[in-house]
Amino acid sequence: MSSSTSGRDDDAPDLVCQLDCVHGMVEALSSARWKRHQDAVMELSQHGVVITVEESGCLQAKVFLKRELFVEYEYAGQGRVRFGLSLGLLIDCLNIFSSPGHASAVEIRYPGPDMQLLLKSVGSPDACMYAEIRTRIPDTVSWDFQFEHAGNTPVTFTVKSAILKESIDDLEWPGSNIQIQMQPDPPSVILKGEGHGDLQIEYPYYANTDLLIAFQCDREVSYRYKYKFLRATTSNIPSSVIKENRGTKVQIGRGGMLKIQHLISVARPGMPYYRNIAGGDDQTSRIVYVEFFVKPEEDDNTVNDA
């Protein structure tokens, strides 16, 4: 599939692509939806599609749909094309195409005659469904997250997604902050919620445990995060991630920037492989990366990572 713009018709769309399993895409996008009305910025390029949502300049989520996820992917735009749209409306429209009994692929095209995002079912002999989503000039992203490691050794751990979600749910206290502390001796991760009382959850790291899949920390770090932002990172983890017992990677960067990464499969159920745009059979590339970035609360009592 060529992304060259030479000899391009001015009326030709920037993007035409096809996805053969919409349900997985719905799950990935839903994981970044933490409230009913939520605006998003969609960015198109020859490498794939990135959807970004944020709140209050303190929480940002990115859903990466790399081009290998698509059965077909033809990009003819100049550089990167960005536009705004409603995340909830996009999810609701895709849900229509992923309803039971509709297993056909979906074509996504941009822009339409009035700069819409166009969706159309393809390959179904019975019926053809269409949807149009109105787009707008995107808002400027209010902050540049620039995640950087504070030292030579990244401060990071990988935990079962189900365990992380359960822990954050247990620490709920209205208006509270959650402290995340990592220490090398003894190697462990501590999550602490503070309200009218204190609740602490500890993940000790041992070579023979399944609780922490990976752990790396050469100095003590401790930061507090607003609970509602931290909960948004796990509140809509797809049930498929829990069933597959996948892990979530958590990193604490310079200044306490928290990065949480989920891996979500968009493979079609019951299919051991699929035909990708390169013409090969590959199921391992059917993974969507969903990344959250959370800014810490300013607190003079935290242990920094300088």
C-alpha atoms as a PDB file:
ATOM      1  CA  MET A   1       0.000   0.000   0.000  1.00  0.00           C
ATOM      2  CA  SER A   2       1.551   3.261  -1.063  1.00  0.00           C
ATOM      3  CA  SER A   3       1.501   6.418   1.027  1.00  0.00           C
ATOM      4  CA  SER A   4       2.916   8.580  -1.755  1.00  0.00           C
ATOM      5  CA  THR A   5       1.045  11.759  -2.655  1.00  0.00           C
ATOM      6  CA  SER A   6       2.507  12.155  -6.152  1.00  0.00           C
ATOM      7  CA  GLY A   7      -0.185  12.642  -8.788  1.00  0.00           C
ATOM      8  CA  ARG A   8      -2.841  12.677  -6.129  1.00  0.00           C
ATOM      9  CA  ASP A   9      -6.365  13.869  -6.928  1.00  0.00           C
ATOM     10  CA  ASP A  10      -7.286  16.831  -4.732  1.00  0.00           C
ATOM     11  CA  ASP A  11     -10.613  15.152  -3.964  1.00  0.00           C
ATOM     12  CA  ALA A  12      -8.967  11.867  -2.966  1.00  0.00           C
ATOM     13  CA  PRO A  13      -9.323  10.978   0.731  1.00  0.00           C
ATOM     14  CA  ASP A  14      -6.357  11.186   3.087  1.00  0.00           C
ATOM     15  CA  LEU A  15      -7.129   7.740   4.483  1.00  0.00           C
ATOM     16  CA  VAL A  16      -8.972   4.634   3.367  1.00  0.00           C
ATOM     17  CA  CYS A  17      -8.556   1.589   5.584  1.00  0.00           C
ATOM     18  CA  GLN A  18     -10.379  -1.598   6.503  1.00  0.00           C
ATOM     19  CA  LEU A  19     -10.622  -3.348   9.857  1.00  0.00           C
ATOM     20  CA  ASP A  20     -11.908  -6.912  10.081  1.00  0.00           C
ATOM     21  CA  CYS A  21     -12.661  -6.990  13.810  1.00  0.00           C
ATOM     22  CA  VAL A  22     -14.408  -3.906  15.109  1.00  0.00           C
ATOM     23  CA  HIS A  23     -15.110  -5.349  18.554  1.00  0.00           C
ATOM     24  CA  GLY A  24     -11.443  -5.206  19.524  1.00  0.00           C
ATOM     25  CA  MET A  25     -11.204  -1.600  18.400  1.00  0.00           C
ATOM     26  CA  VAL A  26     -14.286  -0.731  20.453  1.00  0.00           C
ATOM     27  CA  GLU A  27     -12.705  -2.304  23.535  1.00  0.00           C
ATOM     28  CA  ALA A  28      -9.440  -0.422  23.009  1.00  0.00           C
ATOM     29  CA  LEU A  29     -11.178   2.948  22.572  1.00  0.00           C
ATOM     30  CA  SER A  30     -13.524   2.280  25.495  1.00  0.00           C
ATOM     31  CA  SER A  31     -10.544   1.725  27.797  1.00  0.00           C
ATOM     32  CA  ALA A  32      -9.661   5.413  27.288  1.00  0.00           C
ATOM     33  CA  ARG A  33     -13.188   6.645  27.992  1.00  0.00           C
ATOM     34  CA  TRP A  34     -13.664   7.717  31.600  1.00  0.00           C
ATOM     35  CA  LYS A  35     -16.736   9.929  31.237  1.00  0.00           C
ATOM     36  CA  ARG A  36     -19.823  10.135  29.037  1.00  0.00           C
ATOM     37  CA  HIS A  37     -18.997  13.275  27.037  1.00  0.00           C
ATOM     38  CA  GLN A  38     -15.371  13.208  26.005  1.00  0.00           C
ATOM     39  CA  ASP A  39     -13.637  14.945  23.128  1.00  0.00           C
ATOM     40  CA  ALA A  40     -10.736  13.325  21.299  1.00  0.00           C
ATOM     41  CA  VAL A  41      -8.110  14.226  18.736  1.00  0.00           C
ATOM     42  CA  MET A  42      -7.528  11.700  15.954  1.00  0.00           C
ATOM     43  CA  GLU A  43      -4.185  11.802  14.171  1.00  0.00           C
ATOM     44  CA  LEU A  44      -3.629   9.984  10.866  1.00  0.00           C
ATOM     45  CA  SER A  45      -0.272   9.118   9.337  1.00  0.00           C
ATOM     46  CA  GLN A  46       1.381   6.486   7.185  1.00  0.00           C
ATOM     47  CA  HIS A  47       2.214   4.603  10.392  1.00  0.00           C
ATOM     48  CA  GLY A  48      -1.358   4.287  11.647  1.00  0.00           C
ATOM     49  CA  VAL A  49      -3.946   6.102  13.737  1.00  0.00           C
ATOM     50  CA  VAL A  50      -3.524   7.665  17.188  1.00  0.00           C
ATOM     51  CA  ILE A  51      -6.492   8.797  19.301  1.00  0.00           C
ATOM     52  CA  THR A  52      -5.709  11.175  22.185  1.00  0.00           C
ATOM     53  CA  VAL A  53      -7.981  12.273  25.036  1.00  0.00           C
ATOM     54  CA  GLU A  54      -7.140  14.357  28.076  1.00  0.00           C
ATOM     55  CA  GLU A  55      -8.594  16.059  31.106  1.00  0.00           C
ATOM     56  CA  SER A  56      -7.599  19.093  33.144  1.00  0.00           C
ATOM     57  CA  GLY A  57      -4.033  19.084  31.854  1.00  0.00           C
ATOM     58  CA  CYS A  58      -3.294  16.296  34.356  1.00  0.00           C
ATOM     59  CA  LEU A  59      -4.465  13.113  32.630  1.00  0.00           C
ATOM     60  CA  GLN A  60      -3.891  12.018  29.059  1.00  0.00           C
ATOM     61  CA  ALA A  61      -4.603   8.757  27.231  1.00  0.00           C
ATOM     62  CA  LYS A  62      -3.382   7.633  23.835  1.00  0.00           C
ATOM     63  CA  VAL A  63      -4.689   4.687  21.817  1.00  0.00           C
ATOM     64  CA  PHE A  64      -2.225   3.514  19.162  1.00  0.00           C
ATOM     65  CA  LEU A  65      -3.746   1.720  16.151  1.00  0.00           C
ATOM     66  CA  LYS A  66      -0.708   0.812  14.060  1.00  0.00           C
ATOM     67  CA  ARG A  67      -1.229   0.173  10.366  1.00  0.00           C
ATOM     68  CA  GLU A  68      -0.497  -3.559  10.741  1.00  0.00           C
ATOM     69  CA  LEU A  69      -3.817  -3.916  12.583  1.00  0.00           C
ATOM     70  CA  PHE A  70      -5.731  -3.157   9.416  1.00  0.00           C
ATOM     71  CA  VAL A  71      -6.539  -5.513   6.561  1.00  0.00           C
ATOM     72  CA  GLU A  72      -6.012  -2.568   4.190  1.00  0.00           C
ATOM     73  CA  TYR A  73      -4.388   0.788   4.903  1.00  0.00           C
ATOM     74  CA  GLU A  74      -3.929   3.438   2.216  1.00  0.00           C
ATOM     75  CA  TYR A  75      -2.682   6.818   3.378  1.00  0.00           C
ATOM     76  CA  ALA A  76      -2.270   9.762   1.004  1.00  0.00           C
ATOM     77  CA  GLY A  77      -2.263  12.723   3.376  1.00  0.00           C
ATOM     78  CA  GLN A  78       0.485  15.309   3.694  1.00  0.00           C
ATOM     79  CA  GLY A  79       2.454  14.566   6.853  1.00  0.00           C
ATOM     80  CA  ARG A  80       0.139  13.995   9.795  1.00  0.00           C
ATOM     81  CA  VAL A  81      -3.549  14.888   9.572  1.00  0.00           C
ATOM     82  CA  ARG A  82      -5.337  15.825  12.801  1.00  0.00           C
ATOM     83  CA  PHE A  83      -8.989  16.485  13.587  1.00  0.00           C
ATOM     84  CA  GLY A  84     -11.283  16.500  16.590  1.00  0.00           C
ATOM     85  CA  LEU A  85     -14.364  14.394  17.225  1.00  0.00           C
ATOM     86  CA  SER A  86     -16.505  12.947  20.002  1.00  0.00           C
ATOM     87  CA  LEU A  87     -14.952   9.785  21.428  1.00  0.00           C
ATOM     88  CA  GLY A  88     -18.327   8.558  22.674  1.00  0.00           C
ATOM     89  CA  LEU A  89     -19.938   9.021  19.258  1.00  0.00           C
ATOM     90  CA  LEU A  90     -17.090   7.136  17.561  1.00  0.00           C
ATOM     91  CA  ILE A  91     -17.456   4.227  19.995  1.00  0.00           C
ATOM     92  CA  ASP A  92     -21.261   4.175  19.642  1.00  0.00           C
ATOM     93  CA  CYS A  93     -21.029   4.109  15.834  1.00  0.00           C
ATOM     94  CA  LEU A  94     -18.434   1.321  15.838  1.00  0.00           C
ATOM     95  CA  ASN A  95     -20.603  -0.641  18.271  1.00  0.00           C
ATOM     96  CA  ILE A  96     -23.333  -0.768  15.636  1.00  0.00           C
ATOM     97  CA  PHE A  97     -20.941  -2.498  13.238  1.00  0.00           C
ATOM     98  CA  SER A  98     -19.752  -4.943  15.904  1.00  0.00           C
ATOM     99  CA  SER A  99     -23.202  -6.090  17.009  1.00  0.00           C
ATOM    100  CA  PRO A 100     -23.897  -9.853  17.058  1.00  0.00           C
ATOM    101  CA  GLY A 101     -24.509 -11.238  13.601  1.00  0.00           C
ATOM    102  CA  HIS A 102     -22.460  -8.548  11.838  1.00  0.00           C
ATOM    103  CA  ALA A 103     -18.984  -9.968  11.278  1.00  0.00           C
ATOM    104  CA  SER A 104     -18.150  -8.052   8.118  1.00  0.00           C
ATOM    105  CA  ALA A 105     -15.187  -5.721   7.840  1.00  0.00           C
ATOM    106  CA  VAL A 106     -15.577  -1.966   8.223  1.00  0.00           C
ATOM    107  CA  GLU A 107     -14.098   0.623   5.887  1.00  0.00           C
ATOM    108  CA  ILE A 108     -12.974   3.895   7.477  1.00  0.00           C
ATOM    109  CA  ARG A 109     -12.495   6.892   5.216  1.00  0.00           C
ATOM    110  CA  TYR A 110     -11.462  10.500   5.825  1.00  0.00           C
ATOM    111  CA  PRO A 111     -12.408  13.120   4.852  1.00  0.00           C
ATOM    112  CA  GLY A 112     -15.917  12.960   3.448  1.00  0.00           C
ATOM    113  CA  PRO A 113     -17.476  15.765   1.354  1.00  0.00           C
ATOM    114  CA  ASP A 114     -18.052  17.856   4.492  1.00  0.00           C
ATOM    115  CA  MET A 115     -14.923  16.724   6.370  1.00  0.00           C
ATOM    116  CA  GLN A 116     -16.771  13.859   8.048  1.00  0.00           C
ATOM    117  CA  LEU A 117     -15.266  10.573   9.171  1.00  0.00           C
ATOM    118  CA  LEU A 118     -17.073   7.924   7.100  1.00  0.00           C
ATOM    119  CA  LEU A 119     -17.694   4.332   8.162  1.00  0.00           C
ATOM    120  CA  LYS A 120     -19.115   1.619   5.903  1.00  0.00           C
ATOM    121  CA  SER A 121     -19.552  -2.118   6.281  1.00  0.00           C
ATOM    122  CA  VAL A 122     -17.962  -4.142   3.477  1.00  0.00           C
ATOM    123  CA  GLY A 123     -18.084  -7.752   2.438  1.00  0.00           C
ATOM    124  CA  SER A 124     -21.604  -8.503   3.660  1.00  0.00           C
ATOM    125  CA  PRO A 125     -23.933  -9.996   1.019  1.00  0.00           C
ATOM    126  CA  ASP A 126     -27.071  -9.099   2.990  1.00  0.00           C
ATOM    127  CA  ALA A 127     -26.811  -5.418   3.840  1.00  0.00           C
ATOM    128  CA  CYS A 128     -24.497  -2.425   3.902  1.00  0.00           C
ATOM    129  CA  MET A 129     -24.399  -0.033   6.853  1.00  0.00           C
ATOM    130  CA  TYR A 130     -23.107   3.534   6.775  1.00  0.00           C
ATOM    131  CA  ALA A 131     -22.232   6.066   9.439  1.00  0.00           C
ATOM    132  CA  GLU A 132     -20.979   9.643   9.297  1.00  0.00           C
ATOM    133  CA  ILE A 133     -19.249  11.358  12.212  1.00  0.00           C
ATOM    134  CA  ARG A 134     -18.923  15.119  12.190  1.00  0.00           C
ATOM    135  CA  THR A 135     -15.404  16.355  12.871  1.00  0.00           C
ATOM    136  CA  ARG A 136     -13.989  19.733  13.874  1.00  0.00           C
ATOM    137  CA  ILE A 137     -10.743  21.647  14.077  1.00  0.00           C
ATOM    138  CA  PRO A 138      -8.887  19.974  16.958  1.00  0.00           C
ATOM    139  CA  ASP A 139      -8.253  21.729  20.228  1.00  0.00           C
ATOM    140  CA  THR A 140      -4.627  22.256  21.130  1.00  0.00           C
ATOM    141  CA  VAL A 141      -3.378  19.594  23.522  1.00  0.00           C
ATOM    142  CA  SER A 142      -2.919  21.550  26.738  1.00  0.00           C
ATOM    143  CA  TRP A 143       0.298  19.926  27.856  1.00  0.00           C
ATOM    144  CA  ASP A 144       3.226  18.072  26.373  1.00  0.00           C
ATOM    145  CA  PHE A 145       3.796  14.965  28.438  1.00  0.00           C
ATOM    146  CA  GLN A 146       7.470  14.366  27.433  1.00  0.00           C
ATOM    147  CA  PHE A 147       8.004  11.225  29.515  1.00  0.00           C
ATOM    148  CA  GLU A 148      11.645  10.833  30.535  1.00  0.00           C
ATOM    149  CA  HIS A 149      13.379   8.496  32.957  1.00  0.00           C
ATOM    150  CA  ALA A 150      14.862  10.311  35.953  1.00  0.00           C
ATOM    151  CA  GLY A 151      18.071   8.272  36.148  1.00  0.00           C
ATOM    152  CA  ASN A 152      20.131   5.676  34.354  1.00  0.00           C
ATOM    153  CA  THR A 153      17.854   2.881  35.590  1.00  0.00           C
ATOM    154  CA  PRO A 154      14.136   3.133  34.678  1.00  0.00           C
ATOM    155  CA  VAL A 155      11.785   2.913  37.660  1.00  0.00           C
ATOM    156  CA  THR A 156       9.156   0.459  36.483  1.00  0.00           C
ATOM    157  CA  PHE A 157       7.099  -2.581  37.367  1.00  0.00           C
ATOM    158  CA  THR A 158       4.700  -4.886  35.535  1.00  0.00           C
ATOM    159  CA  VAL A 159       1.697  -6.265  37.384  1.00  0.00           C
ATOM    160  CA  LYS A 160      -1.288  -8.370  36.379  1.00  0.00           C
ATOM    161  CA  SER A 161      -3.922  -5.999  34.996  1.00  0.00           C
ATOM    162  CA  ALA A 162      -6.671  -7.551  37.120  1.00  0.00           C
ATOM    163  CA  ILE A 163      -4.633  -7.075  40.315  1.00  0.00           C
ATOM    164  CA  LEU A 164      -3.870  -3.429  39.535  1.00  0.00           C
ATOM    165  CA  LYS A 165      -7.525  -2.661  38.779  1.00  0.00           C
ATOM    166  CA  GLU A 166      -8.702  -4.403  41.954  1.00  0.00           C
ATOM    167  CA  SER A 167      -6.138  -2.556  44.073  1.00  0.00           C
ATOM    168  CA  ILE A 168      -7.087   0.875  42.743  1.00  0.00           C
ATOM    169  CA  ASP A 169     -10.790   0.102  43.194  1.00  0.00           C
ATOM    170  CA  ASP A 170     -10.127  -0.917  46.827  1.00  0.00           C
ATOM    171  CA  LEU A 171      -8.306   2.358  47.530  1.00  0.00           C
ATOM    172  CA  GLU A 172     -11.281   4.516  46.561  1.00  0.00           C
ATOM    173  CA  TRP A 173     -12.015   7.435  48.857  1.00  0.00           C
ATOM    174  CA  PRO A 174     -13.881  10.527  47.597  1.00  0.00           C
ATOM    175  CA  GLY A 175     -11.483  13.374  46.818  1.00  0.00           C
ATOM    176  CA  SER A 176      -8.476  11.443  48.062  1.00  0.00           C
ATOM    177  CA  ASN A 177      -4.981  11.011  46.669  1.00  0.00           C
ATOM    178  CA  ILE A 178      -3.145   7.750  46.139  1.00  0.00           C
ATOM    179  CA  GLN A 179       0.525   7.455  47.007  1.00  0.00           C
ATOM    180  CA  ILE A 180       2.630   5.130  44.859  1.00  0.00           C
ATOM    181  CA  GLN A 181       5.945   4.201  46.427  1.00  0.00           C
ATOM    182  CA  MET A 182       8.683   1.990  45.018  1.00  0.00           C
ATOM    183  CA  GLN A 183      11.718   0.861  46.982  1.00  0.00           C
ATOM    184  CA  PRO A 184      14.667  -1.391  46.118  1.00  0.00           C
ATOM    185  CA  ASP A 185      15.174  -2.905  49.605  1.00  0.00           C
ATOM    186  CA  PRO A 186      13.098  -4.880  50.172  1.00  0.00           C
ATOM    187  CA  PRO A 187      12.008  -4.711  46.517  1.00  0.00           C
ATOM    188  CA  SER A 188       8.347  -3.777  46.568  1.00  0.00           C
ATOM    189  CA  VAL A 189       5.594  -1.479  45.350  1.00  0.00           C
ATOM    190  CA  ILE A 190       3.273   0.156  47.876  1.00  0.00           C
ATOM    191  CA  LEU A 191      -0.066   1.814  47.059  1.00  0.00           C
ATOM    192  CA  LYS A 192      -1.511   3.880  49.886  1.00  0.00           C
ATOM    193  CA  GLY A 193      -4.854   5.648  50.066  1.00  0.00           C
ATOM    194  CA  GLU A 194      -5.552   8.367  52.601  1.00  0.00           C
ATOM    195  CA  GLY A 195      -8.986   9.490  53.773  1.00  0.00           C
ATOM    196  CA  HIS A 196     -10.535   9.344  57.231  1.00  0.00           C
ATOM    197  CA  GLY A 197      -8.251   6.346  57.632  1.00  0.00           C
ATOM    198  CA  ASP A 198      -5.333   4.797  55.766  1.00  0.00           C
ATOM    199  CA  LEU A 199      -5.364   1.742  53.507  1.00  0.00           C
ATOM    200  CA  GLN A 200      -2.140   0.290  52.149  1.00  0.00           C
ATOM    201  CA  ILE A 201      -1.602  -2.410  49.534  1.00  0.00           C
ATOM    202  CA  GLU A 202       1.862  -3.843  49.044  1.00  0.00           C
ATOM    203  CA  TYR A 203       3.274  -5.840  46.138  1.00  0.00           C
ATOM    204  CA  PRO A 204       6.455  -7.598  47.320  1.00  0.00           C
ATOM    205  CA  TYR A 205       8.735  -8.717  44.510  1.00  0.00           C
ATOM    206  CA  TYR A 206      10.140 -12.211  44.570  1.00  0.00           C
ATOM    207  CA  ALA A 207      11.467 -14.287  41.690  1.00  0.00           C
ATOM    208  CA  ASN A 208       8.839 -17.005  42.193  1.00  0.00           C
ATOM    209  CA  THR A 209       5.719 -14.843  42.429  1.00  0.00           C
ATOM    210  CA  ASP A 210       3.146 -14.134  39.754  1.00  0.00           C
ATOM    211  CA  LEU A 211       2.020 -10.916  41.414  1.00  0.00           C
ATOM    212  CA  LEU A 212       4.759  -8.670  40.009  1.00  0.00           C
ATOM    213  CA  ILE A 213       5.842  -9.940  36.617  1.00  0.00           C
ATOM    214  CA  ALA A 214       8.774  -7.511  36.453  1.00  0.00           C
ATOM    215  CA  PHE A 215      10.361  -4.958  38.784  1.00  0.00           C
ATOM    216  CA  GLN A 216      13.184  -2.462  38.355  1.00  0.00           C
ATOM    217  CA  CYS A 217      14.102   0.194  40.912  1.00  0.00           C
ATOM    218  CA  ASP A 218      17.490   1.371  42.232  1.00  0.00           C
ATOM    219  CA  ARG A 219      16.262   4.129  44.571  1.00  0.00           C
ATOM    220  CA  GLU A 220      13.181   4.944  46.594  1.00  0.00           C
ATOM    221  CA  VAL A 221      10.566   7.080  44.829  1.00  0.00           C
ATOM    222  CA  SER A 222       7.188   8.204  46.116  1.00  0.00           C
ATOM    223  CA  TYR A 223       4.517  10.399  44.532  1.00  0.00           C
ATOM    224  CA  ARG A 224       0.855  11.136  45.114  1.00  0.00           C
ATOM    225  CA  TYR A 225      -1.776  11.154  42.367  1.00  0.00           C
ATOM    226  CA  LYS A 226      -5.385  12.292  42.371  1.00  0.00           C
ATOM    227  CA  TYR A 227      -7.566   9.227  42.781  1.00  0.00           C
ATOM    228  CA  LYS A 228     -10.063  10.069  40.031  1.00  0.00           C
ATOM    229  CA  PHE A 229      -7.243  10.311  37.489  1.00  0.00           C
ATOM    230  CA  LEU A 230      -5.580   7.106  38.643  1.00  0.00           C
ATOM    231  CA  ARG A 231      -8.883   5.230  38.562  1.00  0.00           C
ATOM    232  CA  ALA A 232      -9.494   6.383  34.985  1.00  0.00           C
ATOM    233  CA  THR A 233      -6.424   4.395  33.893  1.00  0.00           C
ATOM    234  CA  THR A 234      -7.985   1.055  34.911  1.00  0.00           C
ATOM    235  CA  SER A 235     -11.748   1.618  35.171  1.00  0.00           C
ATOM    236  CA  ASN A 236     -12.508   0.316  31.662  1.00  0.00           C
ATOM    237  CA  ILE A 237      -9.896  -2.381  31.152  1.00  0.00           C
ATOM    238  CA  PRO A 238     -11.560  -4.862  28.738  1.00  0.00           C
ATOM    239  CA  SER A 239     -12.694  -8.180  30.171  1.00  0.00           C
ATOM    240  CA  SER A 240     -10.558  -9.892  27.514  1.00  0.00           C
ATOM    241  CA  VAL A 241      -7.406  -8.467  29.150  1.00  0.00           C
ATOM    242  CA  ILE A 242      -8.504  -9.886  32.509  1.00  0.00           C
ATOM    243  CA  LYS A 243      -9.362 -13.292  31.017  1.00  0.00           C
ATOM    244  CA  GLU A 244      -6.053 -13.497  29.158  1.00  0.00           C
ATOM    245  CA  ASN A 245      -4.250 -12.650  32.414  1.00  0.00           C
ATOM    246  CA  ARG A 246      -2.255  -9.910  30.729  1.00  0.00           C
ATOM    247  CA  GLY A 247       0.142  -7.594  32.513  1.00  0.00           C
ATOM    248  CA  THR A 248       0.113  -3.798  32.773  1.00  0.00           C
ATOM    249  CA  LYS A 249       3.396  -1.886  32.721  1.00  0.00           C
ATOM    250  CA  VAL A 250       3.761   1.041  35.129  1.00  0.00           C
ATOM    251  CA  GLN A 251       6.626   3.556  34.978  1.00  0.00           C
ATOM    252  CA  ILE A 252       7.489   6.580  37.105  1.00  0.00           C
ATOM    253  CA  GLY A 253       9.485   9.158  35.185  1.00  0.00           C
ATOM    254  CA  ARG A 254      11.124  12.485  35.827  1.00  0.00           C
ATOM    255  CA  GLY A 255       9.124  14.740  38.113  1.00  0.00           C
ATOM    256  CA  GLY A 256       6.800  11.860  39.039  1.00  0.00           C
ATOM    257  CA  MET A 257       5.120  11.554  35.647  1.00  0.00           C
ATOM    258  CA  LEU A 258       3.234   8.263  35.745  1.00  0.00           C
ATOM    259  CA  LYS A 259       2.938   6.143  32.619  1.00  0.00           C
ATOM    260  CA  ILE A 260       0.589   3.144  32.537  1.00  0.00           C
ATOM    261  CA  GLN A 261       0.499   0.900  29.480  1.00  0.00           C
ATOM    262  CA  HIS A 262      -2.120  -1.737  28.676  1.00  0.00           C
ATOM    263  CA  LEU A 263      -1.944  -4.261  25.822  1.00  0.00           C
ATOM    264  CA  ILE A 264      -5.301  -5.072  24.233  1.00  0.00           C
ATOM    265  CA  SER A 265      -5.791  -7.795  21.646  1.00  0.00           C
ATOM    266  CA  VAL A 266      -8.004  -7.042  18.652  1.00  0.00           C
ATOM    267  CA  ALA A 267      -7.818 -10.546  17.212  1.00  0.00           C
ATOM    268  CA  ARG A 268     -11.068 -11.987  15.926  1.00  0.00           C
ATOM    269  CA  PRO A 269     -12.393 -14.651  18.330  1.00  0.00           C
ATOM    270  CA  GLY A 270     -11.702 -18.169  17.115  1.00  0.00           C
ATOM    271  CA  MET A 271      -9.204 -17.078  14.484  1.00  0.00           C
ATOM    272  CA  PRO A 272      -5.612 -18.287  15.026  1.00  0.00           C
ATOM    273  CA  TYR A 273      -4.289 -15.828  12.431  1.00  0.00           C
ATOM    274  CA  TYR A 274      -5.338 -13.192   9.974  1.00  0.00           C
ATOM    275  CA  ARG A 275      -4.169 -11.755   6.674  1.00  0.00           C
ATOM    276  CA  ASN A 276      -2.464  -8.400   7.268  1.00  0.00           C
ATOM    277  CA  ILE A 277      -1.680  -5.600   4.813  1.00  0.00           C
ATOM    278  CA  ALA A 278       1.733  -7.078   4.074  1.00  0.00           C
ATOM    279  CA  GLY A 279       0.066 -10.268   2.878  1.00  0.00           C
ATOM    280  CA  GLY A 280       1.336 -12.443   5.720  1.00  0.00           C
ATOM    281  CA  ASP A 281      -0.470 -14.462   8.359  1.00  0.00           C
ATOM    282  CA  ASP A 282       0.228 -12.920  11.744  1.00  0.00           C
ATOM    283  CA  GLN A 283      -1.770 -12.783  14.942  1.00  0.00           C
ATOM    284  CA  THR A 284       0.958 -11.356  17.201  1.00  0.00           C
ATOM    285  CA  SER A 285       0.679  -7.889  15.635  1.00  0.00           C
ATOM    286  CA  ARG A 286      -3.009  -7.645  16.571  1.00  0.00           C
ATOM    287  CA  ILE A 287      -2.185  -5.703  19.730  1.00  0.00           C
ATOM    288  CA  VAL A 288      -3.333  -2.166  20.527  1.00  0.00           C
ATOM    289  CA  TYR A 289      -1.182  -0.143  22.906  1.00  0.00           C
ATOM    290  CA  VAL A 290      -3.160   2.089  25.269  1.00  0.00           C
ATOM    291  CA  GLU A 291      -1.032   4.488  27.304  1.00  0.00           C
ATOM    292  CA  PHE A 292      -2.049   6.791  30.142  1.00  0.00           C
ATOM    293  CA  PHE A 293       0.003   9.668  31.523  1.00  0.00           C
ATOM    294  CA  VAL A 294      -0.831  11.113  34.936  1.00  0.00           C
ATOM    295  CA  LYS A 295       0.794  14.156  36.513  1.00  0.00           C
ATOM    296  CA  PRO A 296       1.525  13.910  40.251  1.00  0.00           C
ATOM    297  CA  GLU A 297       0.028  16.143  42.899  1.00  0.00           C
ATOM    298  CA  GLU A 298       2.353  18.821  44.224  1.00  0.00           C
ATOM    299  CA  ASP A 299       3.341  17.823  47.740  1.00  0.00           C
ATOM    300  CA  ASP A 300       6.371  18.916  49.724  1.00  0.00           C
ATOM    301  CA  ASN A 301       6.370  15.631  51.666  1.00  0.00           C
ATOM    302  CA  THR A 302       6.886  13.308  48.694  1.00  0.00           C
ATOM    303  CA  VAL A 303      10.192  11.562  48.130  1.00  0.00           C
ATOM    304  CA  ASN A 304      11.428  12.778  44.753  1.00  0.00           C
ATOM    305  CA  ASP A 305      13.563  10.855  42.310  1.00  0.00           C
ATOM    306  CA  ALA A 306      16.305  13.398  41.827  1.00  0.00           C
END
